[in-house]
Structures are given as structure tokens and as C-alpha cells.
Protein backbone atom coordinates (compact mmCIF):
# COMPACT_ATOMS: atom_id res chain seq x y z
CA MET A 1 20.80 240.04 -52.48
CA LYS A 2 22.78 242.88 -51.26
CA LYS A 3 23.09 240.71 -47.99
CA ILE A 4 24.58 238.17 -50.09
CA LEU A 5 26.75 240.62 -52.07
CA SER A 6 28.28 241.92 -48.56
CA LEU A 7 29.02 238.61 -47.05
CA VAL A 8 30.77 237.79 -50.10
CA MET A 9 32.62 241.51 -50.44
CA ALA A 10 33.55 240.76 -46.80
CA LEU A 11 35.03 237.09 -47.34
CA ILE A 12 37.65 238.41 -50.33
CA VAL A 13 38.65 241.00 -47.68
CA ILE A 14 39.21 238.60 -45.19
CA ILE A 15 41.33 236.37 -47.46
CA ALA A 16 43.43 238.96 -49.00
CA VAL A 17 44.41 239.99 -45.39
CA SER A 18 45.17 236.54 -44.25
CA VAL A 19 47.55 235.52 -46.94
CA PRO A 20 50.52 238.25 -46.46
CA MET A 21 50.02 237.72 -42.78
CA ALA A 22 50.75 233.97 -43.68
CA THR A 23 53.60 234.97 -45.80
CA LEU A 24 55.13 237.15 -42.99
CA ALA A 25 54.59 234.30 -40.46
CA GLY A 26 56.85 232.01 -42.44
CA GLU A 27 59.32 234.96 -42.97
CA GLU A 28 59.53 235.13 -39.39
CA THR A 29 59.90 231.44 -38.95
CA ALA A 30 62.60 231.39 -41.41
CA GLY A 31 64.57 234.05 -39.23
CA ALA A 32 63.94 232.11 -36.03
CA ASP A 33 64.95 228.57 -37.41
CA ASN A 34 65.68 227.94 -41.30
CA THR A 35 65.00 224.15 -41.09
CA THR A 36 61.34 224.81 -39.91
CA VAL A 37 60.66 227.19 -42.70
CA LYS A 38 62.55 225.01 -45.74
CA SER A 39 60.91 221.82 -44.05
CA GLU A 40 58.16 222.09 -47.02
CA THR A 41 60.34 221.28 -49.62
CA GLY A 42 61.98 218.49 -47.61
CA GLU A 43 65.73 219.71 -48.80
CA VAL A 44 67.14 220.70 -45.61
CA VAL A 45 65.39 218.21 -43.24
CA GLU A 46 66.92 215.83 -45.35
CA ALA A 47 70.20 217.49 -45.35
CA VAL A 48 70.05 217.47 -41.98
CA GLU A 49 68.88 213.81 -41.31
CA GLU A 50 71.82 212.50 -43.46
CA ILE A 51 74.42 214.01 -41.64
CA GLU A 52 73.23 213.16 -38.20
CA SER A 53 72.58 209.72 -40.05
CA VAL A 54 76.32 209.86 -40.71
CA GLU A 55 77.90 210.72 -38.07
CA THR A 56 76.20 208.41 -35.91
CA VAL A 57 77.31 205.58 -38.40
CA GLU A 58 80.82 206.78 -38.12
CA ALA A 59 80.91 207.08 -34.49
CA VAL A 60 79.78 203.39 -34.32
CA GLU A 61 82.23 202.13 -36.66
CA ALA A 62 85.09 204.26 -34.84
CA VAL A 63 83.95 202.10 -31.81
CA GLU A 64 83.80 199.28 -33.06
CA ALA A 65 87.18 199.14 -34.79
CA VAL A 66 88.45 199.93 -31.45
CA THR A 67 86.65 197.45 -29.33
CA VAL A 68 85.91 194.39 -31.47
CA ILE A 69 88.24 191.62 -32.11
CA ASP A 70 87.30 188.80 -34.78
CA THR A 71 90.55 187.11 -34.42
CA LEU A 72 92.60 186.44 -31.54
CA SER A 73 95.97 184.70 -30.53
CA LEU A 74 97.30 184.99 -26.96
CA GLU A 75 99.86 187.38 -27.59
CA LYS A 76 97.20 189.55 -28.69
CA ALA A 77 95.18 188.90 -25.65
CA TYR A 78 98.01 189.72 -23.42
CA GLU A 79 98.41 192.95 -25.83
CA THR A 80 94.80 193.89 -25.36
CA ILE A 81 95.11 193.55 -21.08
CA GLU A 82 97.35 196.26 -21.25
CA GLU A 83 95.67 198.53 -23.26
CA HIS A 84 91.99 198.14 -22.39
CA ASN A 85 91.59 196.42 -18.77
CA GLN A 86 90.02 198.71 -16.89
CA GLU A 87 91.15 197.14 -13.66
CA LEU A 88 94.33 198.13 -15.27
CA LYS A 89 93.58 201.40 -15.86
CA LEU A 90 92.48 202.68 -12.46
CA MET A 91 95.62 201.15 -11.11
CA ASN A 92 97.72 203.17 -13.26
CA ASP A 93 95.94 206.21 -11.62
CA LYS A 94 96.54 204.86 -8.15
CA ILE A 95 100.02 204.46 -9.08
CA ASN A 96 100.14 207.97 -10.83
CA LEU A 97 98.87 209.73 -7.66
CA TYR A 98 101.68 207.63 -5.09
CA GLU A 99 104.24 208.93 -7.49
CA LYS A 100 102.97 212.38 -7.18
CA GLN A 101 102.63 212.12 -3.10
CA TYR A 102 105.92 211.02 -3.08
CA GLN A 103 107.60 213.56 -5.11
CA GLU A 104 105.46 216.26 -2.64
CA ALA A 105 106.88 214.10 0.27
CA VAL A 106 110.89 214.22 -1.45
CA ALA A 107 110.25 218.26 -1.62
CA ARG A 108 109.00 218.43 1.79
CA SER A 109 111.87 216.17 3.04
CA ASP A 110 114.08 218.87 1.40
CA TRP A 111 112.38 222.16 3.16
CA ALA A 112 112.58 219.89 6.84
CA LYS A 113 116.35 219.16 6.23
CA GLY A 114 118.02 220.91 9.60
CA LYS A 115 115.14 222.52 10.87
CA PHE A 116 114.83 222.96 14.58
CA ILE A 117 112.89 224.69 17.22
CA GLY A 118 114.08 224.71 20.24
CA GLY A 119 112.25 223.49 23.49
CA ASP A 120 109.44 222.31 21.36
CA GLU A 121 109.64 218.69 21.08
CA GLU A 122 106.43 217.87 19.24
CA GLN A 123 107.75 220.44 16.23
CA ASN A 124 110.65 218.78 16.09
CA VAL A 125 109.47 215.34 15.69
CA THR A 126 107.41 216.63 12.85
CA TYR A 127 110.42 218.00 11.09
CA ARG A 128 112.50 214.92 11.36
CA LYS A 129 109.50 212.71 10.65
CA GLU A 130 109.09 214.79 7.20
CA GLU A 131 112.61 214.46 6.47
CA LEU A 132 113.09 210.94 7.19
CA LEU A 133 110.43 208.81 7.42
CA TYR A 134 107.59 210.12 5.38
CA PRO A 135 109.47 209.96 1.74
CA LYS A 136 110.39 206.25 2.82
CA GLN A 137 106.58 205.98 3.68
CA ARG A 138 105.37 207.40 0.12
CA LEU A 139 108.13 205.18 -1.89
CA LEU A 140 106.87 202.06 -0.20
CA GLU A 141 102.95 203.08 -1.11
CA LEU A 142 104.59 203.70 -4.41
CA ASP A 143 106.56 200.16 -4.82
CA GLY A 144 103.35 198.68 -3.28
CA ALA A 145 101.09 199.96 -5.63
CA LYS A 146 103.57 198.92 -8.71
CA HIS A 147 103.68 195.50 -7.15
CA GLU A 148 99.60 195.20 -7.26
CA ARG A 149 99.64 196.19 -10.60
CA GLU A 150 102.53 193.80 -12.00
CA GLU A 151 100.44 190.95 -9.89
CA LYS A 152 96.84 191.81 -10.99
CA LEU A 153 98.44 191.51 -14.50
CA LYS A 154 99.82 188.44 -13.82
CA GLU A 155 96.21 187.26 -12.49
CA LEU A 156 94.85 188.49 -15.66
CA LYS A 157 97.05 186.98 -17.77
CA ALA A 158 96.51 183.29 -16.29
CA GLY A 159 92.84 183.72 -16.24
CA VAL A 160 92.86 184.64 -19.84
CA LYS A 161 95.22 181.95 -20.87
CA LYS A 162 93.08 179.16 -19.24
CA GLN A 163 89.92 180.54 -20.50
CA TYR A 164 91.93 180.50 -23.96
CA LEU A 165 92.85 177.19 -23.53
CA GLU A 166 89.29 175.85 -22.29
CA ILE A 167 87.67 177.33 -25.42
CA GLY A 168 89.96 175.06 -27.45
CA VAL A 169 89.16 171.94 -25.57
CA PHE A 170 85.25 172.93 -25.60
CA GLN A 171 85.26 173.59 -29.40
CA GLU A 172 87.21 170.27 -29.78
CA GLU A 173 84.53 168.16 -27.66
CA LEU A 174 81.73 169.83 -29.56
CA ALA A 175 82.78 168.90 -32.62
CA ASN A 176 83.79 165.18 -31.16
CA THR A 177 80.14 165.14 -30.03
CA GLN A 178 78.78 166.63 -33.37
CA SER A 179 80.54 163.60 -35.07
CA GLU A 180 78.91 161.29 -32.70
CA LEU A 181 75.81 162.47 -33.39
CA ALA A 182 76.21 162.57 -37.21
CA ALA A 183 77.27 159.04 -36.91
CA LEU A 184 74.11 157.69 -34.48
CA ASP A 185 72.35 159.52 -37.27
CA LYS A 186 73.35 156.91 -39.61
CA THR A 187 73.00 154.33 -37.40
CA ILE A 188 69.38 155.16 -36.72
CA GLU A 189 68.25 155.72 -40.52
CA HIS A 190 70.00 152.42 -40.89
CA THR A 191 67.71 150.56 -38.33
CA GLN A 192 65.04 152.53 -39.86
CA THR A 193 65.39 150.88 -43.39
CA GLN A 194 65.27 147.74 -41.79
CA ILE A 195 62.36 148.25 -39.86
CA ASN A 196 60.56 149.54 -43.08
CA SER A 197 61.67 146.38 -44.97
CA GLY A 198 60.30 144.26 -41.88
CA SER A 199 63.97 142.83 -40.77
CA LEU A 200 63.57 145.10 -37.43
CA PRO A 201 60.78 145.55 -35.00
CA GLN A 202 59.86 149.28 -34.47
CA SER A 203 61.14 149.14 -30.63
CA ALA A 204 65.04 148.85 -32.40
CA LEU A 205 65.05 152.36 -32.49
CA LYS A 206 64.43 152.86 -28.68
CA GLN A 207 67.92 152.00 -27.81
CA TYR A 208 68.87 155.12 -29.55
CA ASP A 209 66.62 157.71 -28.26
CA ALA A 210 68.26 158.19 -24.79
CA GLN A 211 71.82 158.15 -26.64
CA ARG A 212 70.89 161.04 -28.76
CA VAL A 213 68.96 163.11 -26.24
CA GLN A 214 72.40 162.95 -24.00
CA MET A 215 74.30 164.19 -27.14
CA LEU A 216 72.29 167.01 -27.73
CA SER A 217 72.43 168.01 -23.92
CA ARG A 218 75.96 167.81 -24.24
CA ILE A 219 76.29 169.82 -27.40
CA GLU A 220 74.09 172.62 -25.91
CA ALA A 221 76.37 172.51 -22.58
CA THR A 222 79.45 172.32 -24.46
CA GLN A 223 78.14 175.65 -26.54
CA ARG A 224 76.88 177.35 -23.42
CA GLN A 225 80.34 176.84 -21.68
CA ILE A 226 81.99 178.15 -24.72
CA SER A 227 79.83 181.76 -24.54
CA LEU A 228 80.58 181.81 -21.03
CA ASN A 229 84.31 181.45 -21.53
CA LEU A 230 83.98 184.10 -24.07
CA LYS A 231 82.16 186.47 -21.74
CA GLY A 232 85.02 186.19 -19.36
CA LEU A 233 87.65 186.49 -21.56
CA GLU A 234 85.51 189.90 -22.99
CA ARG A 235 85.34 190.87 -19.19
CA ASP A 236 89.58 191.04 -18.88
CA LEU A 237 90.22 191.86 -22.02
CA GLY A 238 87.93 194.97 -21.92
CA VAL A 239 87.05 194.80 -25.38
CA LYS A 240 84.00 193.28 -27.06
CA LEU A 241 84.39 189.81 -29.16
CA ALA A 242 82.76 189.20 -32.65
CA GLY A 243 80.20 186.62 -32.63
CA GLN A 244 82.73 184.14 -34.28
CA THR A 245 85.58 185.02 -32.64
CA LYS A 246 88.72 183.10 -34.16
CA LEU A 247 90.75 181.78 -31.73
CA GLU A 248 94.54 180.82 -33.15
CA PRO A 249 95.69 177.66 -31.69
CA LEU A 250 98.77 177.28 -29.55
CA ALA A 251 101.61 174.52 -29.94
CA GLY A 252 100.04 171.53 -28.58
CA GLU A 253 103.15 170.47 -26.89
CA PRO A 254 104.29 171.93 -23.89
CA VAL A 255 107.52 173.28 -23.17
CA LEU A 256 108.84 170.81 -19.80
CA PHE A 257 109.76 172.51 -16.71
CA ASP A 258 113.75 172.70 -16.26
CA ASP A 259 113.87 171.03 -12.91
CA GLY A 260 117.64 170.66 -13.39
CA ASP A 261 118.69 173.18 -10.51
CA ILE A 262 115.28 173.83 -8.67
CA ALA A 263 116.95 173.29 -5.13
CA ASN A 264 119.18 176.19 -5.68
CA GLU A 265 116.28 178.34 -7.44
CA ILE A 266 114.06 177.72 -4.81
CA SER A 267 116.81 178.95 -1.91
CA LYS A 268 117.49 182.10 -3.58
CA ALA A 269 113.77 182.77 -4.68
CA TRP A 270 113.43 184.53 -1.28
CA GLU A 271 115.94 187.38 -1.75
CA ASP A 272 114.70 189.66 -4.69
CA SER A 273 111.35 188.54 -3.80
CA TYR A 274 108.77 191.59 -3.64
CA ASP A 275 107.27 189.92 0.12
CA TYR A 276 111.27 190.26 1.52
CA LEU A 277 111.62 193.60 0.11
CA SER A 278 108.81 195.02 1.26
CA GLN A 279 108.93 193.73 4.69
CA GLN A 280 112.58 194.87 4.91
CA GLY A 281 110.86 198.37 4.54
CA GLN A 282 108.46 198.17 6.67
CA LEU A 283 111.22 197.20 9.24
CA GLU A 284 113.42 200.04 8.18
CA LEU A 285 110.31 202.49 8.72
CA ALA A 286 109.45 201.22 12.18
CA GLU A 287 113.68 201.69 13.25
CA ILE A 288 113.52 205.16 11.65
CA GLU A 289 110.54 206.31 13.71
CA CYS A 290 111.61 204.48 16.70
CA ASP A 291 114.98 206.45 16.65
CA ILE A 292 112.97 209.68 15.73
CA ILE A 293 111.71 209.35 18.99
CA ARG A 294 114.46 208.19 20.86
CA TYR A 295 116.68 210.85 19.75
CA ASN A 296 114.56 214.11 19.48
CA THR A 297 112.71 214.01 22.67
CA TYR A 298 113.01 213.47 26.67
CA ILE A 299 112.63 209.70 26.98
CA ASP A 300 110.82 209.88 30.28
CA ASN A 301 107.96 211.62 28.59
CA ASN A 302 107.99 209.05 25.86
CA LEU A 303 108.60 205.84 27.33
CA ASN A 304 105.20 204.35 26.13
CA GLN A 305 105.48 205.46 22.76
CA LEU A 306 109.01 204.08 22.51
CA HIS A 307 107.96 200.95 24.13
CA GLN A 308 105.60 200.53 21.41
CA LEU A 309 107.65 201.45 18.32
CA GLU A 310 110.43 198.79 19.95
CA ALA A 311 108.17 196.31 20.07
CA SER A 312 106.70 196.89 16.62
CA VAL A 313 110.26 196.82 15.27
CA SER A 314 110.59 193.59 16.86
CA ASN A 315 107.41 192.47 15.19
CA ASN A 316 108.60 193.31 11.76
CA GLN A 317 111.73 191.77 12.54
CA ALA A 318 109.93 188.74 13.34
CA LYS A 319 107.60 188.98 10.18
CA LEU A 320 110.95 189.29 7.95
CA GLU A 321 112.58 186.47 9.03
CA GLN A 322 109.49 184.38 7.95
CA VAL A 323 109.34 185.26 4.68
CA LYS A 324 111.96 182.75 3.54
CA PRO A 325 110.62 179.58 5.10
CA ASN A 326 107.18 180.70 3.88
CA LEU A 327 108.36 181.29 0.39
CA GLU A 328 110.32 178.15 0.35
CA ALA A 329 107.36 176.05 1.48
CA THR A 330 104.81 177.29 -1.00
CA LEU A 331 107.76 177.06 -3.92
CA TRP A 332 107.92 173.10 -3.34
CA ASN A 333 104.29 172.52 -2.86
CA LYS A 334 103.91 173.97 -6.22
CA TYR A 335 106.72 172.15 -7.49
CA TYR A 336 105.55 168.64 -6.40
CA GLU A 337 101.91 169.53 -7.54
CA LEU A 338 103.79 170.37 -11.00
CA LYS A 339 105.17 166.97 -11.04
CA ASN A 340 102.28 165.29 -10.44
CA LEU A 341 100.39 167.00 -13.31
CA GLU A 342 103.92 166.15 -15.42
CA GLY A 343 103.04 162.43 -14.61
CA ASP A 344 99.21 162.94 -15.49
CA LEU A 345 100.50 164.13 -18.94
CA GLU A 346 102.83 161.18 -19.85
CA ILE A 347 99.95 158.82 -18.66
CA GLU A 348 97.77 160.40 -20.91
CA LYS A 349 100.48 160.17 -23.81
CA ILE A 350 100.36 156.63 -23.90
CA ASN A 351 96.80 156.18 -23.55
CA LEU A 352 96.98 158.33 -26.79
CA GLU A 353 99.44 155.72 -28.06
CA ASP A 354 96.79 152.76 -27.23
CA ALA A 355 94.00 154.38 -28.60
CA GLU A 356 95.73 155.22 -31.96
CA TYR A 357 97.18 151.41 -32.09
CA THR A 358 93.57 150.25 -31.19
CA LEU A 359 92.00 152.04 -34.06
CA SER A 360 94.46 150.69 -36.72
CA ILE A 361 93.85 147.11 -35.72
CA THR A 362 90.32 147.74 -35.99
CA GLN A 363 90.62 149.35 -39.55
CA SER A 364 92.95 146.45 -40.59
CA LYS A 365 90.48 143.68 -39.21
CA GLU A 366 87.39 145.45 -41.13
CA GLY A 367 89.46 145.41 -44.24
CA LEU A 368 90.13 141.78 -44.19
CA GLY A 369 86.57 141.30 -42.87
CA THR A 370 87.28 139.75 -39.52
CA ALA A 371 86.22 142.54 -37.53
CA LYS A 372 84.50 141.76 -34.09
CA GLY A 373 83.20 144.06 -31.41
CA SER A 374 83.66 147.45 -31.66
CA SER A 375 83.70 149.43 -35.00
CA VAL A 376 86.04 151.78 -36.93
CA VAL A 377 83.55 154.55 -35.75
CA ASP A 378 83.37 153.27 -32.32
CA ASP A 379 87.18 153.65 -31.86
CA THR A 380 87.35 156.52 -33.76
CA ILE A 381 85.38 158.36 -31.19
CA ALA A 382 87.52 156.77 -28.53
CA LEU A 383 90.53 157.93 -30.28
CA ASN A 384 88.87 161.55 -30.22
CA GLN A 385 87.92 161.43 -26.63
CA GLN A 386 91.80 160.65 -25.58
CA LYS A 387 92.91 163.42 -27.70
CA VAL A 388 91.03 165.94 -25.56
CA LYS A 389 92.13 164.33 -22.21
CA LEU A 390 95.34 164.66 -23.49
CA GLN A 391 95.10 168.44 -24.24
CA LYS A 392 93.77 168.78 -20.84
CA ALA A 393 96.50 167.67 -19.27
CA ILE A 394 98.73 169.38 -21.49
CA ASN A 395 96.92 172.94 -20.33
CA ALA A 396 96.92 171.95 -17.10
CA TYR A 397 100.56 171.16 -17.15
CA SER A 398 101.06 174.41 -19.02
CA LEU A 399 99.39 176.79 -16.33
CA ALA A 400 101.10 175.38 -13.63
CA VAL A 401 104.65 175.94 -14.87
CA ASP A 402 103.58 179.52 -15.59
CA GLU A 403 102.21 180.04 -11.81
CA LEU A 404 105.89 178.38 -10.79
CA ASN A 405 108.05 180.44 -13.18
CA SER A 406 105.82 183.58 -11.92
CA LEU A 407 106.68 182.54 -7.94
CA LEU A 408 109.94 181.90 -8.64
CA THR A 409 110.30 185.31 -10.45
CA LYS A 410 108.17 187.26 -8.19
């Protein structure tokens, strides 16, 4: 009995000691981490979790507000390229670097101007290069980087326009195929009714099986192509397009290329072209370097180097003389390609008029009950298909006009 009483008393003592210890431990934890101690109430943890959740949502919403586009016009697409395309951003950095190097070369040129050390050919050549050659080299590099960016922007715009136009055509083709499928399903339904009534055998449905499979395959392929083009747009624009991004349609009729003075335009295009100005700059650099060696060294000691530089001058002069005929040949080829596309465009317009006329005749005959051969449904399908062909011809011509205009003003 005494042993039992002793055990009970010992247990009471242990409990009395452990409770304050636990309380003290809780207070120490509170000092180190308020969130841990007050987590028993749930208030602090919930507040922290709520703040983190709000911050995360706000961050996501901020990103989406910048990068996700629901409606897109071609003009907006062009603006977006400038704002978000990563390649252009890298080119901007390159231009900034070359600008800095050019300014440093100009400053170094001012410093080297008039400097001369008697008897030190190598150092004097370095002074003259710093004064006369290097600034022009840096400027040519800077102009080249700017031109590279301009050409990349033109390339991106042309690619975006092509994909943009193709999506419009694919969407039209998709709608046409879906309409054809709906018409075929009605025919199948009508045939099934006749089979059920005993007017036709069960085998009458077989002729439609292959047609339906082909249409479903076309729908899937067209949807896949639209998806690929949208991904291409995302890549070139540098943004994310919403799943159902709406593309605003362009004007149906293209502006015909004005070739009233094409011969004169082509013959003068080389004068302000980058290729000509750049090659002219290369020739000037070669001439400057040649003169530096000729007038700042003992020629007998540098004949080989001088001959190499003179050969470089001749080579650059020959390249400069080739710019004009090469550019003219390219422009005439592009012009003739454009005229061929213009002919294709006119043919498709005539074909559309024929399709519209055929449909109107069939509609009149069906109204009178004298229709034979193709039905209104068939001719409507043919008309819709011809509209797509015309749109493709318009797109091809429009892109070719853009390309020729770009080359004429290059």
C-alpha cells in the first residue's frame, strides 16, 4: 500500500514539473518563430498562406496581362514583334555595344590626332589607324548591326503576315469541310431512312464511308495546321496567344503593285541600297589602310604588306561594281514572279465568277424542278472551295508585293 502511494506521489511530481517545462518550451519557440507557436490557433498560418496565395495570383495575373493576347490584328502583331521578340532584344543589345565601341573609337581618334614618334614606324602606324581607320571600322560595324536588325524585323513581319494569312485560309477551309460533313451526314441520315423503309439495301451506306473518313481526316489536319501556325506566331511575336485567339480579318482585295515606272525604279534602286553603301565603306577602309602604310613607313620594308592592301582595294572595287547588276537582276526576277502571281490572281477571280454563275443557274433549275446533275449543295461546296483558292492567290500576291517593295527600298 505504501509502495503504491509512493508511486502516485512521484507521478504527480513529474506531471507538475513537465507542464511548466512544456510552457517554457512553447515560449522559447515563440521567440524564435512566431508562426510555429501560434500555429495551434491557425490564425497566423492562415494569414501567411493567404498572403502568399494572393501574391502568387497577382504575379501570375501580371505576367498574363503582359503576355497573353485574346484578339490580334496584323498591325498589333507588328507592334508586338517590336516589343517582345527576343531576337530583336538581343540585336538591340548588340547595337548598344557597337555604339559604345564607336564612341570609344572616336574619343581615341581625337587623342591620337597629330601624335608622332620619330623613328618608330610601328607606333606611328598605330596612331594613324586609331585616328583615321578604327572609327570608320566601328561605324561600319554599327551600321551593319542596325541593318541586320532592320532586315530581321522585315523577315519577322513577312513571316508573321504569312502565318496570319494562312490561319485565315485554314479557318475558312475548316468551316467549309465542316459544312460538307454536315451535308454528308444529312445524306447518310436520309439514306438510312430509305434503308429502314426497305427502299434501299443496307449496302447503300458504304459509298459514304470513305467520304466521311476523308472529311474527318481533313478537319483534323486543318486544325493541326492552325495550331502549328499559332505556335509559330507565338514564337515570332514573343508572347502567348490565348487558346481561342481571334484574328481580325484583312481587306479582301489586295492593292495592285504600281509598275508604271518600274524600269526607272529598278535602275536606281542600287544607289541607296545597304549593299552598295556597305561595300563603298569597305572600299574606303581598304584605301585608308593602304595609304597609312604607304605614307607612314619605308615602302621598301613593307612592299609585301602594301601589295596585299592594294589587292584588297582592287577586290573591294570589283565587288562595288557588281552591286548594281546583281541587285537589278534580283529585282527583275522578283518583278516577273509578281506579274505571274498577278495573272494567277485574275484567273482565280474569273473562276469565282464562273462558280457563282453555276450556283445561280442550279438554284433557278431546282426552283423550277428541272435540275439535273449537280445539286445546290454540290455547287455551294464548289463555290466555297473557289473562294479559298482566290484567297490563297490574294495572299501570295500580297506577300510578293511586300517583298518587291522591300527590295526596292533596301
